Protein backbone atom coordinates (compact mmCIF):
# COMPACT_ATOMS: atom_id res chain seq x y z
CA UNK A 1 132.08 187.65 95.27
CA UNK A 2 133.57 184.26 95.80
CA UNK A 3 132.46 184.34 99.45
CA UNK A 4 128.93 185.44 98.45
CA UNK A 5 128.70 182.65 95.88
CA UNK A 6 129.84 180.05 98.42
CA UNK A 7 127.38 181.41 100.99
CA UNK A 8 124.45 181.25 98.56
CA UNK A 9 125.40 177.75 97.55
CA UNK A 10 125.45 176.72 101.21
CA UNK A 11 122.04 178.28 101.85
CA UNK A 12 120.55 176.57 98.82
CA UNK A 13 121.91 173.21 99.93
CA UNK A 14 120.62 173.77 103.46
CA UNK A 15 117.15 174.62 102.17
CA UNK A 16 117.06 171.46 100.05
CA UNK A 17 118.44 169.13 102.72
CA UNK A 18 115.23 168.76 104.79
CA UNK A 19 113.35 167.83 101.64
CA UNK A 20 115.96 165.26 100.71
CA UNK A 21 115.61 163.70 104.13
CA UNK A 22 111.94 162.94 103.68
CA UNK A 23 111.12 159.22 104.09
CA UNK A 24 111.00 158.41 100.36
CA UNK A 25 110.97 154.68 101.05
CA UNK A 26 108.30 154.76 103.75
CA UNK A 27 105.39 154.10 101.43
CA UNK A 28 101.82 155.30 102.09
CA UNK A 29 100.39 156.13 105.48
CA UNK A 30 100.30 153.05 107.67
CA UNK A 31 97.27 151.81 109.58
CA UNK A 32 99.17 149.84 112.18
CA UNK A 33 97.23 148.36 115.09
CA UNK A 34 96.61 145.50 117.51
CA UNK A 35 94.42 144.82 120.56
CA UNK A 36 95.84 146.02 123.86
CA UNK A 37 92.79 145.06 125.98
CA UNK A 38 92.10 142.17 126.13
CA UNK A 39 95.81 142.07 125.52
CA UNK A 40 96.92 140.34 122.32
CA UNK A 41 99.90 137.97 122.28
CA UNK A 42 101.91 140.23 120.03
CA UNK A 43 101.48 143.28 122.26
CA UNK A 44 101.89 141.42 125.56
CA UNK A 45 105.25 140.07 124.37
CA UNK A 46 106.44 143.27 122.71
CA UNK A 47 109.09 145.58 124.23
CA UNK A 48 106.20 147.83 125.34
CA UNK A 49 104.25 144.91 126.87
CA UNK A 50 104.62 144.19 130.56
CA UNK A 51 104.39 140.42 130.04
CA UNK A 52 107.47 140.07 127.84
CA UNK A 53 109.37 138.37 130.69
CA UNK A 54 106.88 135.50 131.12
CA UNK A 55 107.80 131.98 130.08
CA UNK A 56 105.39 132.01 127.11
CA UNK A 57 106.72 135.32 125.80
CA UNK A 58 110.35 134.22 126.22
CA UNK A 59 109.57 131.07 124.28
CA UNK A 60 107.76 133.02 121.56
CA UNK A 61 110.64 135.46 121.16
CA UNK A 62 113.14 132.60 120.99
CA UNK A 63 111.04 130.84 118.34
CA UNK A 64 110.72 134.13 116.52
CA UNK A 65 114.43 134.79 116.53
CA UNK A 66 113.75 138.48 117.31
CA UNK A 67 111.61 140.59 119.65
CA UNK A 68 108.15 141.70 118.64
CA UNK A 69 109.18 145.31 118.07
CA UNK A 70 106.69 145.60 115.19
CA UNK A 71 103.76 144.52 117.36
CA UNK A 72 101.38 146.76 115.39
CA UNK A 73 102.29 145.53 111.93
CA UNK A 74 100.91 142.01 111.73
CA UNK A 75 99.11 142.46 108.42
CA UNK A 76 98.68 140.51 105.22
CA UNK A 77 97.83 142.24 101.93
CA UNK A 78 95.41 140.96 99.30
CA UNK A 79 93.41 138.54 101.44
CA UNK A 80 90.09 140.23 100.56
CA UNK A 81 87.97 138.14 102.91
CA UNK A 82 89.50 134.78 101.96
CA UNK A 83 90.98 134.28 105.42
CA UNK A 84 90.37 130.54 105.66
CA UNK A 85 91.83 129.95 102.24
CA UNK A 86 94.92 132.15 102.68
CA UNK A 87 95.92 131.56 106.33
CA UNK A 88 96.65 127.87 107.04
CA UNK A 89 95.68 126.01 110.22
CA UNK A 90 98.18 126.42 113.00
CA UNK A 91 99.24 129.85 111.67
CA UNK A 92 96.25 131.93 112.64
CA UNK A 93 98.01 133.98 115.32
CA UNK A 94 100.96 134.83 113.07
CA UNK A 95 98.88 135.41 109.94
CA UNK A 96 101.34 132.95 108.36
CA UNK A 97 104.05 135.64 108.51
CA UNK A 98 107.51 134.21 109.35
CA UNK A 99 108.36 137.35 111.35
CA UNK A 100 105.61 136.44 113.85
CA UNK A 101 105.83 132.65 113.93
CA UNK A 102 106.48 132.59 117.69
CA UNK A 103 102.86 133.64 118.27
CA UNK A 104 101.64 130.27 117.02
CA UNK A 105 103.21 128.28 119.88
CA UNK A 106 100.61 125.93 121.37
CA UNK A 107 100.76 126.35 125.15
CA UNK A 108 98.33 127.09 127.97
CA UNK A 109 100.34 129.74 129.81
CA UNK A 110 100.07 132.70 127.45
CA UNK A 111 99.31 136.00 129.23
CA UNK A 112 95.53 136.20 129.47
CA UNK A 113 92.67 138.51 130.44
CA UNK A 114 89.68 137.46 132.55
CA UNK A 115 86.24 138.06 131.05
CA UNK A 116 82.70 137.21 132.11
CA UNK A 117 80.84 134.60 130.06
CA UNK A 118 77.92 136.28 128.37
CA UNK A 119 79.09 139.66 129.65
CA UNK A 120 79.75 142.91 127.94
CA UNK A 121 83.10 143.33 126.22
CA UNK A 122 84.81 146.56 125.10
CA UNK A 123 87.88 145.70 123.06
CA UNK A 124 90.57 148.36 122.78
CA UNK A 125 92.37 148.19 119.46
CA UNK A 126 95.28 150.63 119.30
CA UNK A 127 95.86 152.42 116.00
CA UNK A 128 97.12 155.77 114.73
CA UNK A 129 95.50 156.16 111.31
CA UNK A 130 91.74 155.93 110.84
CA UNK A 131 90.78 153.57 108.03
CA UNK A 132 87.52 152.17 106.76
CA UNK A 133 86.98 148.49 107.30
CA UNK A 134 85.32 145.80 109.41
CA UNK A 135 86.36 144.21 112.69
CA UNK A 136 85.22 140.60 113.09
CA UNK A 137 85.42 139.03 116.56
CA UNK A 138 85.50 135.27 117.08
CA UNK A 139 85.57 133.21 120.26
CA UNK A 140 86.78 129.62 120.18
CA UNK A 141 84.17 126.86 120.43
CA UNK A 142 83.46 124.93 123.65
CA UNK A 143 86.13 122.28 124.13
CA UNK A 144 88.96 124.40 122.72
CA UNK A 145 92.34 122.98 123.74
CA UNK A 146 95.00 125.70 124.08
CA UNK A 147 97.76 123.05 124.14
CA UNK A 148 97.10 122.38 120.46
CA UNK A 149 97.72 124.73 117.50
CA UNK A 150 94.78 127.03 116.75
CA UNK A 151 92.82 125.86 113.70
CA UNK A 152 89.93 127.39 111.78
CA UNK A 153 87.74 124.49 112.95
CA UNK A 154 88.27 125.78 116.52
CA UNK A 155 86.35 128.92 115.55
CA UNK A 156 82.67 129.25 114.64
CA UNK A 157 81.86 129.94 111.00
CA UNK A 158 80.44 133.32 111.91
CA UNK A 159 81.82 135.96 114.28
CA UNK A 160 79.89 136.75 117.42
CA UNK A 161 80.32 140.44 116.60
CA UNK A 162 81.14 142.52 113.52
CA UNK A 163 81.75 146.27 113.74
CA UNK A 164 82.03 148.32 110.56
CA UNK A 165 83.89 151.62 110.30
CA UNK A 166 84.08 152.46 114.04
CA UNK A 167 85.49 155.87 114.95
CA UNK A 168 89.10 156.23 116.04
CA UNK A 169 89.22 157.91 119.45
CA UNK A 170 92.35 158.79 121.44
CA UNK A 171 94.57 156.53 119.40
CA UNK A 172 92.35 153.43 119.53
CA UNK A 173 89.17 151.83 118.37
CA UNK A 174 86.78 150.82 121.17
CA UNK A 175 84.66 147.90 120.05
CA UNK A 176 81.61 146.99 122.09
CA UNK A 177 80.05 143.52 121.95
CA UNK A 178 78.34 140.86 124.06
CA UNK A 179 80.33 137.66 124.65
CA UNK A 180 78.75 134.24 124.02
CA UNK A 181 77.28 132.78 127.22
CA UNK A 182 78.20 129.14 126.58
CA UNK A 183 82.01 129.39 127.04
CA UNK A 184 84.03 129.01 130.21
CA UNK A 185 87.68 128.57 131.02
CA UNK A 186 90.59 129.43 128.74
CA UNK A 187 89.52 130.49 125.27
CA UNK A 188 90.89 132.45 122.32
CA UNK A 189 89.47 135.80 121.23
CA UNK A 190 90.43 136.04 117.57
CA UNK A 191 90.17 139.45 115.88
CA UNK A 192 90.26 140.09 112.15
CA UNK A 193 90.43 143.67 110.89
CA UNK A 194 89.83 143.80 107.15
CA UNK A 195 90.59 147.23 105.71
CA UNK A 196 88.55 148.47 102.76
CA UNK A 197 90.60 151.61 102.22
CA UNK A 198 93.84 149.59 101.97
CA UNK A 199 94.49 146.02 100.76
CA UNK A 200 95.56 144.88 104.26
CA UNK A 201 93.98 142.48 106.73
CA UNK A 202 95.20 142.35 110.37
CA UNK A 203 95.05 139.25 112.58
CA UNK A 204 95.43 138.97 116.35
CA UNK A 205 95.08 136.42 119.14
CA UNK A 206 94.04 137.46 122.65
CA UNK A 207 94.06 134.68 125.27
CA UNK A 208 91.16 135.03 127.69
CA UNK A 209 89.78 133.15 130.68
CA UNK A 210 85.97 133.18 130.96
CA UNK A 211 84.23 132.92 134.29
CA UNK A 212 80.53 132.22 134.78
CA UNK A 213 78.05 134.97 135.56
CA UNK A 214 77.92 135.92 139.21
CA UNK A 215 81.61 135.16 139.74
CA UNK A 216 83.93 138.07 140.27
CA UNK A 217 86.74 137.98 137.70
CA UNK A 218 90.20 138.33 139.15
CA UNK A 219 89.00 140.61 141.96
CA UNK A 220 87.88 143.25 139.41
CA UNK A 221 84.41 144.39 138.40
CA UNK A 222 84.05 142.11 135.43
CA UNK A 223 81.36 139.82 136.89
CA UNK A 224 78.07 140.24 138.70
CA UNK A 225 78.50 140.91 142.36
CA UNK A 226 77.20 138.60 145.15
CA UNK A 227 73.83 139.24 146.72
CA UNK A 228 73.09 142.48 148.56
CA UNK A 229 74.81 143.10 151.88
CA UNK A 230 73.00 143.79 155.12
CA UNK A 231 73.93 147.45 154.85
CA UNK A 232 72.76 148.70 151.44
CA UNK A 233 74.22 152.15 152.15
CA UNK A 234 77.71 150.63 152.14
CA UNK A 235 77.32 149.22 148.63
CA UNK A 236 79.32 150.85 145.86
CA UNK A 237 77.41 152.13 142.82
CA UNK A 238 77.52 149.80 139.87
CA UNK A 239 80.18 150.66 137.35
CA UNK A 240 79.04 151.53 133.83
CA UNK A 241 80.21 149.23 131.04
CA UNK A 242 83.61 150.31 129.73
CA UNK A 243 86.90 148.92 128.60
CA UNK A 244 88.00 148.91 132.27
CA UNK A 245 84.82 147.70 134.01
CA UNK A 246 83.74 145.09 131.48
CA UNK A 247 86.67 142.82 132.15
CA UNK A 248 89.77 142.60 134.31
CA UNK A 249 93.23 141.18 133.95
CA UNK A 250 94.05 137.55 134.72
CA UNK A 251 97.47 138.71 135.88
CA UNK A 252 99.12 142.07 136.32
CA UNK A 253 101.68 141.23 133.67
CA UNK A 254 99.03 140.61 131.06
CA UNK A 255 97.46 144.06 131.16
CA UNK A 256 99.05 147.20 129.76
CA UNK A 257 99.64 150.00 132.25
CA UNK A 258 97.30 152.98 132.31
CA UNK A 259 99.91 155.06 130.55
CA UNK A 260 100.19 152.56 127.72
CA UNK A 261 96.56 151.47 127.38
CA UNK A 262 96.46 153.02 123.93
CA UNK A 263 100.12 153.14 122.92
CA UNK A 264 101.21 154.88 119.76
CA UNK A 265 102.30 152.34 117.12
CA UNK A 266 105.45 153.04 115.17
CA UNK A 267 104.81 154.79 111.87
CA UNK A 268 107.87 153.72 109.84
CA UNK A 269 107.70 150.69 107.55
CA UNK A 270 111.33 149.62 107.83
CA UNK A 271 110.34 146.83 110.18
CA UNK A 272 107.50 145.47 108.03
CA UNK A 273 106.74 141.77 108.37
CA UNK A 274 107.67 139.53 105.49
CA UNK A 275 104.95 137.54 103.66
CA UNK A 276 105.48 134.27 101.80
CA UNK A 277 106.56 136.00 98.58
CA UNK A 278 109.58 137.48 100.34
CA UNK A 279 108.54 141.11 99.91
CA UNK A 280 108.08 143.35 102.98
CA UNK A 281 104.42 144.01 103.57
CA UNK A 282 104.98 147.73 103.13
CA UNK A 283 106.40 147.08 99.67
CA UNK A 284 103.46 144.85 98.74
CA UNK A 285 101.04 147.54 99.86
CA UNK A 286 102.86 150.30 98.05
CA UNK A 287 102.77 148.35 94.80
CA UNK A 288 98.98 148.55 94.90
CA UNK A 289 98.39 152.00 96.31
CA UNK A 290 101.37 154.00 95.06
CA UNK A 291 103.25 156.82 96.84
CA UNK A 292 101.26 159.30 98.84
CA UNK A 293 100.56 162.82 97.62
CA UNK A 294 102.63 164.59 100.30
CA UNK A 295 105.71 162.65 99.23
CA UNK A 296 105.16 163.55 95.60
CA UNK A 297 104.69 167.19 96.48
CA UNK A 298 107.81 167.14 98.62
CA UNK A 299 109.80 165.59 95.79
CA UNK A 300 108.66 168.25 93.37
CA UNK A 301 109.60 171.00 95.83
CA UNK A 302 113.06 169.51 96.34
CA UNK A 303 113.66 169.43 92.57
CA UNK A 304 112.61 173.09 92.24
CA UNK A 305 114.88 174.21 95.04
CA UNK A 306 117.88 172.37 93.67
CA UNK A 307 117.21 173.63 90.11
CA UNK A 308 116.92 177.25 91.29
CA UNK A 309 120.16 177.00 93.28
CA UNK A 310 122.00 175.49 90.33
CA UNK A 311 120.83 178.34 88.03
CA UNK A 312 121.64 181.09 90.56
CA UNK A 313 125.25 180.18 91.28
CA UNK A 314 126.62 180.59 87.65
CA UNK A 315 124.94 184.03 87.38
CA UNK A 316 126.56 185.24 90.54
CA UNK A 317 129.95 184.02 89.41
CA UNK A 318 129.71 186.07 86.16
CA UNK A 319 129.15 189.31 88.10
């Protein structure tokens, strides 16, 4: 009987253990994300990014004091559209989060992506959880100086494109838009993703180099091709607009590999960035949205299992 009691106690504990190991501190489902094409600074310099060894990324990591492991977690809660009031000048790329301060370094050698001025853009924004909200895309004004900190006055008052509630496909949002035609040279593509199903707003900086129409961009298919050749039969069919044909990389190190074009962001919140009030972002979000239903259900199940086991053991011992 003693052996049977011990065995039943072990089985009860084993059944309850998986429930006890649930991520009770993980908070609600996360909607992590960031642009991977045109590559954002935070992704380019992350452990997954192929440009992390460039001078700009090394400087950003050094200024940060840590690598950009949480590249998909640059989010600020409670902004509610007051971006220009909440995020100060010079802190636009970091969202004013100390954990991302290296992204605000003013320098002209950040990894960049070549685009065609006035051309079609398809922005790939990696994410794992579909959420309602709006993406607002801004392009810096003519005369933007990348050697100076990015300010709100460097951006137009209105975005050149706004996409509401796009579908999540294959781990990413694919946002189509037409670029302004009056920009050339190095510019900043600034993306704001304001969630409406969570209190979070995401910020990202993608350095781009715009070439004029009719100029091939980086040897890719981003620009209009030169005039027809003498042998029309030898011409290649025009590529349809897509994330790959609309623009090409400025350098091989700036563009994610095909295998990582839509990487899977980490789902845990243990690495959450820290806002000004000192609380991790995941904690700030959880305070407003509360624990998720699966976690509550799992907690209730764990309590029932443990209670049943505790009641069973004394009965067996009396036999």
